[in-house]
Amino acid sequence: MESMIHTEHLSKHYKGFRAVDEVSLEVGKGEIYGFIGLNGSGKTTTIRMLLGMIRPTSGRCYLSGQQVKLSNYSLWGRVGYLVETPYAYPELTVKENLEIFRRLRKIPDSQTVPRVIDQLQLTAYSSRKAKHLSLGNAQRLGIAKALLHNPDILILDEPVNGLDPAGIVEVRERLQHLAMNEKKTIFISSHLLSEVAKIANKIGIIHEGKLLQEIEAAELNRFLKQRLILDARQKNRVLSVLEEAGISCFLNEKGLIESYTSTAIHRPDDIARLLVDQGCPPTRLLVEEEDLESYFLRAIGKKEAGAL
């Protein structure tokens, strides 16, 4: 597969602080790469280096086989991006903003703007000034600008920020269409890990500036753990009965009993019968599988997702 995004030992240091530390990753043509991490983990700094907005302290990054340099003007015609807050001229309408961008990009087809407006569900807002857009529609405008010149590579920082559930689905389907049918290469960061799990072919976990792990989406289930969760009125009695039966378990931070023991996971009916026979029936019993968010928090050693 042709490499479209590639970094080699990419690092950025600020006065002794390593914002990005030796990150090496690769994204092939037609792939969607989900880049996830806590706030301050190095996601946006990595994206800014990919776009030539800041220079790396060491290492290199390549887009479409060319080393990233601001002076490499031919490269930027092949790249569309959205980084943090989308910028627009506040006093101009949606259509006027995109028309200015079309002319700056020297795109000859005058139908490009109405076509992209339609694709991003912005038709009803095309005559509205940018300053009067909701956060979600301002985000759509930012994505429209990134798509306007039909780039081969899209680099999107929090692309669904502010969108309602229907808008998230629309953007997801649009990006999937671009990757699958038009072989666009898409690099996205997002704090909505459930969305990353639905859209990405490959997932990279960055923490404290280091790329901890890369996972092929098709292989994700292999990394997800299952667990038995149960509740009961006599929790201490349940813990004692299960331990006596050789089933390791513990009381989690939510006050529920948890077990990762194979017997508990694969034979929950036997667990229920055992507890009923011992006079401490469960009030709740289910087998859960980790989602990407739970796996991510386990991978970085965190209990809560508040910093995402």
Protein backbone atom coordinates (compact mmCIF):
# COMPACT_ATOMS: atom_id res chain seq x y z
CA MET A 1 0.00 0.00 0.00
CA GLU A 2 1.28 3.44 -0.95
CA SER A 3 2.40 5.48 2.07
CA MET A 4 0.69 8.89 2.24
CA ILE A 5 1.54 10.04 5.79
CA HIS A 6 4.80 9.00 7.39
CA THR A 7 6.78 10.20 10.40
CA GLU A 8 10.24 9.14 11.53
CA HIS A 9 11.17 9.69 15.20
CA LEU A 10 9.19 12.93 15.20
CA SER A 11 9.86 15.01 18.34
CA LYS A 12 9.03 18.46 19.66
CA HIS A 13 10.56 19.83 22.86
CA TYR A 14 9.70 23.03 24.71
CA LYS A 15 12.24 24.12 27.35
CA GLY A 16 12.93 20.57 28.41
CA PHE A 17 9.30 19.42 28.09
CA ARG A 18 8.81 16.72 25.47
CA ALA A 19 5.44 17.48 23.88
CA VAL A 20 6.04 14.81 21.20
CA ASP A 21 8.68 12.15 21.73
CA GLU A 22 10.02 9.94 18.92
CA VAL A 23 6.69 9.33 17.18
CA SER A 24 6.94 7.07 14.13
CA LEU A 25 3.73 6.23 12.29
CA GLU A 26 2.52 5.46 8.79
CA VAL A 27 -0.83 5.82 7.03
CA GLY A 28 -1.51 4.20 3.68
CA LYS A 29 -3.55 5.47 0.73
CA GLY A 30 -7.27 5.15 1.39
CA GLU A 31 -6.87 4.56 5.12
CA ILE A 32 -8.54 6.42 7.99
CA TYR A 33 -6.15 6.77 10.92
CA GLY A 34 -7.64 7.60 14.33
CA PHE A 35 -5.21 9.44 16.62
CA ILE A 36 -6.35 9.37 20.25
CA GLY A 37 -4.97 10.68 23.52
CA LEU A 38 -5.74 12.82 26.55
CA ASN A 39 -5.66 16.61 26.33
CA GLY A 40 -2.00 17.64 26.29
CA SER A 41 -0.82 14.22 25.09
CA GLY A 42 0.72 15.58 21.88
CA LYS A 43 -2.10 15.08 19.35
CA THR A 44 -2.41 18.65 18.12
CA THR A 45 1.35 19.26 18.27
CA THR A 46 1.85 16.23 16.01
CA ILE A 47 -0.80 17.52 13.60
CA ARG A 48 0.80 20.98 13.52
CA MET A 49 4.14 19.41 12.60
CA LEU A 50 2.47 17.34 9.87
CA LEU A 51 1.09 20.57 8.44
CA GLY A 52 4.36 22.50 8.70
CA MET A 53 2.86 24.94 11.21
CA ILE A 54 5.68 24.27 13.67
CA ARG A 55 9.10 22.76 13.12
CA PRO A 56 10.05 19.51 14.82
CA THR A 57 12.95 19.54 17.26
CA SER A 58 14.10 16.34 15.59
CA GLY A 59 12.78 13.71 13.22
CA ARG A 60 10.98 14.06 9.91
CA CYS A 61 7.47 13.89 8.52
CA TYR A 62 6.36 13.17 4.98
CA LEU A 63 3.09 13.66 3.14
CA SER A 64 2.60 11.87 -0.15
CA GLY A 65 6.29 10.94 -0.13
CA GLN A 66 7.49 14.55 0.19
CA GLN A 67 9.17 15.93 3.29
CA VAL A 68 7.01 18.52 5.00
CA LYS A 69 8.34 22.04 4.44
CA LEU A 70 6.40 25.29 4.27
CA SER A 71 8.26 26.15 1.07
CA ASN A 72 6.98 23.00 -0.65
CA TYR A 73 4.01 24.78 -2.23
CA SER A 74 3.05 21.94 -4.57
CA LEU A 75 2.45 19.67 -1.56
CA TRP A 76 -0.17 21.88 0.09
CA GLY A 77 -2.44 21.68 -2.93
CA ARG A 78 -2.88 18.00 -2.10
CA VAL A 79 -3.68 18.49 1.60
CA GLY A 80 -6.87 19.66 3.30
CA TYR A 81 -6.96 20.32 7.02
CA LEU A 82 -8.98 21.45 10.02
CA VAL A 83 -7.03 22.24 13.19
CA GLU A 84 -8.78 23.11 16.45
CA THR A 85 -11.29 25.98 15.98
CA PRO A 86 -12.34 26.41 12.33
CA TYR A 87 -11.58 29.91 11.04
CA ALA A 88 -13.96 31.92 8.85
CA TYR A 89 -14.46 35.57 7.98
CA PRO A 90 -17.24 36.41 10.46
CA GLU A 91 -18.96 39.13 8.39
CA LEU A 92 -19.14 36.97 5.25
CA THR A 93 -21.70 34.29 4.52
CA VAL A 94 -20.98 30.60 4.24
CA LYS A 95 -21.06 30.82 0.45
CA GLU A 96 -18.83 33.94 0.39
CA ASN A 97 -16.27 32.32 2.69
CA LEU A 98 -16.04 29.28 0.45
CA GLU A 99 -15.96 31.39 -2.70
CA ILE A 100 -12.95 33.34 -1.37
CA PHE A 101 -11.24 30.07 -0.52
CA ARG A 102 -12.00 28.68 -4.00
CA ARG A 103 -10.35 31.69 -5.61
CA LEU A 104 -7.35 31.56 -3.29
CA ARG A 105 -6.94 27.90 -4.24
CA LYS A 106 -7.36 28.85 -7.93
CA ILE A 107 -10.08 26.25 -8.41
CA PRO A 108 -11.59 26.93 -11.85
CA ASP A 109 -14.89 25.06 -11.43
CA SER A 110 -17.45 27.57 -10.09
CA GLN A 111 -19.78 24.70 -9.15
CA THR A 112 -17.31 23.45 -6.54
CA VAL A 113 -18.75 25.70 -3.82
CA PRO A 114 -22.45 24.73 -4.19
CA ARG A 115 -21.43 21.08 -4.50
CA VAL A 116 -19.48 21.09 -1.23
CA ILE A 117 -22.20 23.12 0.51
CA ASP A 118 -24.67 20.39 -0.45
CA GLN A 119 -22.33 17.58 0.64
CA LEU A 120 -21.92 19.12 4.11
CA GLN A 121 -25.65 19.82 4.54
CA LEU A 122 -25.06 23.60 4.59
CA THR A 123 -27.54 24.61 1.88
CA ALA A 124 -29.99 26.12 4.37
CA TYR A 125 -27.20 28.25 5.84
CA SER A 126 -25.37 29.30 2.67
CA SER A 127 -26.54 32.93 3.00
CA ARG A 128 -25.95 33.14 6.75
CA LYS A 129 -22.98 35.09 8.08
CA ALA A 130 -20.30 32.92 9.65
CA LYS A 131 -20.56 34.78 12.97
CA HIS A 132 -24.19 33.63 13.30
CA LEU A 133 -23.49 29.93 12.76
CA SER A 134 -23.89 27.40 15.54
CA LEU A 135 -20.75 25.59 16.69
CA GLY A 136 -21.78 22.54 14.69
CA ASN A 137 -22.38 24.46 11.46
CA ALA A 138 -19.15 26.43 11.91
CA GLN A 139 -17.47 23.03 12.11
CA ARG A 140 -19.21 21.93 8.89
CA LEU A 141 -17.91 25.09 7.22
CA GLY A 142 -14.38 24.23 8.36
CA ILE A 143 -14.70 20.73 6.92
CA ALA A 144 -16.12 22.17 3.68
CA LYS A 145 -13.04 24.39 3.33
CA ALA A 146 -10.82 21.35 3.89
CA LEU A 147 -12.63 19.43 1.14
CA LEU A 148 -13.09 22.23 -1.38
CA HIS A 149 -9.97 21.60 -3.48
CA ASN A 150 -10.46 17.80 -3.55
CA PRO A 151 -7.25 16.97 -1.64
CA ASP A 152 -5.64 13.53 -1.53
CA ILE A 153 -4.91 13.86 2.20
CA LEU A 154 -7.23 15.17 4.92
CA ILE A 155 -5.86 16.02 8.37
CA LEU A 156 -8.72 16.79 10.75
CA ASP A 157 -8.41 17.75 14.42
CA GLU A 158 -11.71 17.03 16.23
CA PRO A 159 -13.80 17.09 13.01
CA VAL A 160 -17.14 16.32 14.69
CA ASN A 161 -16.75 18.77 17.57
CA GLY A 162 -20.08 20.51 18.20
CA LEU A 163 -22.09 18.37 15.79
CA ASP A 164 -25.37 16.79 16.85
CA PRO A 165 -25.75 12.99 16.52
CA ALA A 166 -27.22 13.26 13.01
CA GLY A 167 -24.38 15.55 11.95
CA ILE A 168 -21.80 13.16 13.35
CA VAL A 169 -23.27 10.32 11.28
CA GLU A 170 -23.32 12.50 8.14
CA VAL A 171 -19.65 13.47 8.52
CA ARG A 172 -18.67 9.89 9.33
CA GLU A 173 -20.38 8.58 6.21
CA ARG A 174 -18.84 11.32 4.07
CA LEU A 175 -15.33 10.54 5.31
CA GLN A 176 -15.86 6.80 4.86
CA HIS A 177 -17.03 7.43 1.29
CA LEU A 178 -13.95 9.55 0.56
CA ALA A 179 -11.60 6.87 1.91
CA MET A 180 -13.32 3.86 0.40
CA ASN A 181 -14.48 5.16 -2.97
CA GLU A 182 -12.05 7.98 -3.73
CA LYS A 183 -9.01 6.55 -1.89
CA LYS A 184 -8.47 9.70 0.16
CA THR A 185 -6.14 9.33 3.14
CA ILE A 186 -7.65 10.70 6.34
CA PHE A 187 -5.89 11.42 9.64
CA ILE A 188 -8.26 12.39 12.45
CA SER A 189 -7.93 13.12 16.14
CA SER A 190 -11.02 12.99 18.32
CA HIS A 191 -12.04 12.74 21.95
CA LEU A 192 -15.14 10.77 20.85
CA LEU A 193 -13.51 7.36 21.00
CA SER A 194 -16.70 5.52 20.10
CA GLU A 195 -16.71 7.48 16.84
CA VAL A 196 -13.05 6.67 16.16
CA ALA A 197 -13.82 2.97 16.67
CA LYS A 198 -16.56 3.18 14.01
CA ILE A 199 -14.58 5.03 11.36
CA ALA A 200 -10.86 4.23 11.64
CA ASN A 201 -8.93 1.46 9.87
CA LYS A 202 -6.03 1.96 12.25
CA ILE A 203 -5.85 3.55 15.71
CA GLY A 204 -2.81 5.16 17.31
CA ILE A 205 -2.69 5.85 21.07
CA ILE A 206 -0.46 8.74 22.13
CA HIS A 207 0.27 9.44 25.80
CA GLU A 208 2.69 11.96 27.29
CA GLY A 209 4.13 12.53 23.83
CA LYS A 210 4.86 8.87 23.09
CA LEU A 211 3.04 6.65 20.62
CA LEU A 212 2.12 3.79 22.96
CA GLN A 213 0.40 1.51 20.50
CA GLU A 214 -1.02 1.18 17.01
CA ILE A 215 -3.96 -1.17 16.48
CA GLU A 216 -5.54 -2.32 13.25
CA ALA A 217 -9.30 -1.82 13.67
CA ALA A 218 -9.91 -5.37 12.44
CA GLU A 219 -7.74 -6.63 15.32
CA LEU A 220 -9.25 -4.41 18.04
CA ASN A 221 -11.51 -7.11 19.48
CA ARG A 222 -8.43 -9.22 20.21
CA PHE A 223 -7.27 -6.56 22.69
CA LEU A 224 -10.62 -5.95 24.41
CA LYS A 225 -11.18 -7.77 27.69
CA GLN A 226 -14.44 -9.23 28.90
CA ARG A 227 -15.59 -9.05 32.50
CA LEU A 228 -18.45 -10.25 34.66
CA ILE A 229 -20.30 -7.48 36.49
CA LEU A 230 -22.73 -8.29 39.27
CA ASP A 231 -24.57 -6.60 42.09
CA ALA A 232 -26.16 -8.08 45.19
CA ARG A 233 -27.57 -7.02 48.53
CA GLN A 234 -25.01 -9.14 50.39
CA LYS A 235 -21.85 -8.02 48.60
CA ASN A 236 -19.40 -9.29 51.22
CA ARG A 237 -21.10 -12.68 51.25
CA VAL A 238 -20.95 -12.85 47.43
CA LEU A 239 -17.24 -11.97 47.44
CA SER A 240 -16.59 -14.71 49.99
CA VAL A 241 -18.62 -17.35 48.09
CA LEU A 242 -16.90 -16.59 44.80
CA GLU A 243 -13.42 -16.60 46.31
CA GLU A 244 -14.13 -19.97 47.96
CA ALA A 245 -15.18 -21.27 44.52
CA GLY A 246 -11.83 -20.16 43.07
CA ILE A 247 -13.26 -17.18 41.21
CA SER A 248 -11.13 -14.09 41.69
CA CYS A 249 -13.23 -10.95 42.08
CA PHE A 250 -13.21 -7.48 43.62
CA LEU A 251 -15.44 -4.55 44.46
CA ASN A 252 -14.91 -1.78 41.91
CA GLU A 253 -15.11 1.99 42.42
CA LYS A 254 -18.84 1.95 41.57
CA GLY A 255 -19.61 -0.58 44.29
CA LEU A 256 -20.16 -3.43 41.82
CA ILE A 257 -18.48 -6.82 41.94
CA GLU A 258 -16.15 -7.46 39.01
CA SER A 259 -14.40 -10.60 37.80
CA TYR A 260 -12.10 -11.27 34.85
CA THR A 261 -11.92 -15.01 35.59
CA SER A 262 -12.61 -17.19 32.56
CA THR A 263 -15.19 -19.35 34.39
CA ALA A 264 -17.16 -16.29 35.45
CA ILE A 265 -17.14 -14.80 31.94
CA HIS A 266 -18.02 -17.94 30.00
CA ARG A 267 -20.42 -19.55 32.53
CA PRO A 268 -22.42 -16.73 34.12
CA ASP A 269 -25.47 -19.00 34.59
CA ASP A 270 -23.37 -21.26 36.83
CA ILE A 271 -22.34 -18.22 38.88
CA ALA A 272 -25.97 -17.18 39.30
CA ARG A 273 -26.99 -20.69 40.42
CA LEU A 274 -24.11 -20.87 42.88
CA LEU A 275 -25.06 -17.59 44.51
CA VAL A 276 -28.76 -18.53 44.67
CA ASP A 277 -27.85 -21.87 46.28
CA GLN A 278 -25.70 -20.03 48.84
CA GLY A 279 -28.52 -17.66 49.76
CA CYS A 280 -27.05 -14.49 48.24
CA PRO A 281 -28.71 -14.15 44.82
CA PRO A 282 -27.46 -11.45 42.46
CA THR A 283 -29.73 -8.49 41.71
CA ARG A 284 -27.79 -7.81 38.52
CA LEU A 285 -25.45 -10.01 36.49
CA LEU A 286 -24.04 -9.43 33.03
CA VAL A 287 -20.93 -10.02 30.93
CA GLU A 288 -19.47 -6.84 29.43
CA GLU A 289 -16.81 -6.32 26.79
CA GLU A 290 -14.56 -3.29 26.88
CA ASP A 291 -15.15 -0.58 24.31
CA LEU A 292 -12.33 1.50 22.84
CA GLU A 293 -12.62 4.09 25.60
CA SER A 294 -12.24 1.48 28.36
CA TYR A 295 -9.32 -0.11 26.56
CA PHE A 296 -7.68 3.28 26.01
CA LEU A 297 -7.95 4.16 29.71
CA ARG A 298 -6.52 0.77 30.66
CA ALA A 299 -3.68 1.21 28.15
CA ILE A 300 -2.63 4.54 29.65
CA GLY A 301 -3.32 3.44 33.22
CA LYS A 302 -6.18 5.85 33.92
CA LYS A 303 -9.46 5.28 35.75
CA GLU A 304 -11.48 8.20 34.47
CA ALA A 305 -11.99 9.80 31.06
CA GLY A 306 -12.42 13.37 32.31
CA ALA A 307 -9.22 14.60 30.67
CA LEU A 308 -10.13 13.39 27.18
